Amino acid sequence: MNCEKALQNLYEFIDRELDTATESEIKAHLEHCDGCLGKFEAERLFKEMLQARAGGERVSEEMRARILARIESAPGEKRSWFSLDWGALLPVLLAAALIAGIGLLIFLLGR
């Protein structure tokens, strides 16, 4: 196994989603390749940190399938300011403006 093929299977290896033969090939490769071992360890530690922060909750298979389908359906999609869903952002923007206004009022009254 070479580095390119090992790195292509990085996340499946970490998630233990590979067949036994491929997993064994990657393990053998990692025993001799410090560069790949470092990348695999960094990703494994990052995943462990995320799981610890998320409380170890698992996403349902249905939700996982929906997320993956959404990701796969829009590779490289670029979004501009004009394509944002401003209707969904409106409550957030209004809340931010209200907080800023209250802060300004408090500042001006405190002078």
Protein backbone atom coordinates (compact mmCIF):
# COMPACT_ATOMS: atom_id res chain seq x y z
CA MET A 1 0.00 0.00 0.00
CA ASN A 2 1.27 3.49 -0.81
CA CYS A 3 0.66 6.78 1.02
CA GLU A 4 -1.97 8.01 -1.43
CA LYS A 5 -4.12 4.91 -1.07
CA ALA A 6 -3.68 4.85 2.71
CA LEU A 7 -4.76 8.49 3.01
CA GLN A 8 -7.77 7.85 0.75
CA ASN A 9 -8.96 5.35 3.37
CA LEU A 10 -8.04 7.50 6.38
CA TYR A 11 -11.51 8.18 7.76
CA GLU A 12 -12.87 4.70 7.04
CA PHE A 13 -9.86 3.27 8.87
CA ILE A 14 -10.37 5.52 11.89
CA ASP A 15 -14.09 4.67 11.93
CA ARG A 16 -13.32 0.94 11.55
CA GLU A 17 -15.42 0.71 8.39
CA LEU A 18 -12.88 -1.15 6.22
CA ASP A 19 -12.70 -4.83 5.42
CA THR A 20 -10.08 -6.81 7.34
CA ALA A 21 -7.65 -7.09 4.41
CA THR A 22 -7.56 -3.33 3.70
CA GLU A 23 -7.27 -2.54 7.40
CA SER A 24 -4.31 -4.92 7.69
CA GLU A 25 -2.61 -3.33 4.67
CA ILE A 26 -2.98 0.13 6.19
CA LYS A 27 -1.66 -1.05 9.58
CA ALA A 28 1.38 -2.53 7.83
CA HIS A 29 1.90 0.74 5.93
CA LEU A 30 1.65 2.82 9.11
CA GLU A 31 4.34 0.69 10.78
CA HIS A 32 6.82 1.92 8.17
CA CYS A 33 5.55 5.39 7.24
CA ASP A 34 5.94 8.09 9.90
CA GLY A 35 4.31 10.73 7.67
CA CYS A 36 1.06 8.80 7.31
CA LEU A 37 1.16 7.68 10.94
CA GLY A 38 1.31 11.32 12.03
CA LYS A 39 -1.68 12.22 9.85
CA PHE A 40 -3.69 9.23 11.03
CA GLU A 41 -2.92 10.00 14.68
CA ALA A 42 -3.84 13.68 14.28
CA GLU A 43 -7.19 12.80 12.71
CA ARG A 44 -7.87 10.12 15.32
CA LEU A 45 -7.14 12.52 18.17
CA PHE A 46 -9.26 15.23 16.54
CA LYS A 47 -12.17 12.82 16.24
CA GLU A 48 -11.79 11.76 19.88
CA MET A 49 -11.80 15.42 20.95
CA LEU A 50 -14.95 16.10 18.93
CA GLN A 51 -16.68 13.07 20.42
CA ALA A 52 -15.72 14.14 23.93
CA ARG A 53 -17.07 17.65 23.32
CA ALA A 54 -20.28 16.29 21.80
CA GLY A 55 -20.90 14.04 24.77
CA GLY A 56 -20.46 10.90 22.68
CA GLU A 57 -23.93 11.21 21.17
CA ARG A 58 -24.37 9.32 17.93
CA VAL A 59 -26.36 10.53 14.97
CA SER A 60 -29.15 8.29 13.74
CA GLU A 61 -28.53 6.39 10.51
CA GLU A 62 -31.32 8.36 8.84
CA MET A 63 -29.73 11.70 9.78
CA ARG A 64 -26.30 10.49 8.73
CA ALA A 65 -27.65 9.41 5.33
CA ARG A 66 -29.37 12.79 4.86
CA ILE A 67 -26.18 14.69 5.74
CA LEU A 68 -24.03 12.59 3.42
CA ALA A 69 -26.54 12.92 0.58
CA ARG A 70 -26.57 16.69 1.01
CA ILE A 71 -22.77 16.86 1.02
CA GLU A 72 -22.49 14.67 -2.07
CA SER A 73 -25.15 16.57 -3.97
CA ALA A 74 -23.29 19.89 -3.79
CA PRO A 75 -19.55 19.35 -4.31
CA GLY A 76 -17.67 22.61 -4.59
CA GLU A 77 -20.79 24.70 -4.41
CA LYS A 78 -19.94 28.34 -3.94
CA ARG A 79 -22.28 30.64 -2.10
CA SER A 80 -22.35 34.36 -2.33
CA TRP A 81 -23.93 36.94 -0.06
CA PHE A 82 -26.79 37.21 -2.52
CA SER A 83 -27.65 33.51 -2.28
CA LEU A 84 -28.00 33.47 1.52
CA ASP A 85 -31.40 32.80 3.03
CA TRP A 86 -31.92 36.28 4.44
CA GLY A 87 -35.35 35.34 5.75
CA ALA A 88 -33.76 32.80 8.08
CA LEU A 89 -31.06 35.28 9.12
CA LEU A 90 -33.48 38.12 9.83
CA PRO A 91 -34.24 37.17 13.47
CA VAL A 92 -30.53 36.89 14.22
CA LEU A 93 -29.80 40.25 12.60
CA LEU A 94 -32.68 41.91 14.45
CA ALA A 95 -31.50 40.48 17.78
CA ALA A 96 -27.95 41.72 17.11
CA ALA A 97 -29.26 45.19 16.21
CA LEU A 98 -31.41 45.26 19.36
CA ILE A 99 -28.48 44.30 21.58
CA ALA A 100 -26.25 46.90 19.90
CA GLY A 101 -28.95 49.55 20.34
CA ILE A 102 -29.39 48.75 24.03
CA GLY A 103 -25.63 48.83 24.51
CA LEU A 104 -25.42 52.23 22.81
CA LEU A 105 -28.28 53.55 24.93
CA ILE A 106 -26.61 52.40 28.13
CA PHE A 107 -23.33 53.93 27.01
CA LEU A 108 -24.92 57.29 26.17
CA LEU A 109 -26.98 57.44 29.37
CA GLY A 110 -23.92 56.63 31.45
CA ARG A 111 -22.04 59.72 30.30
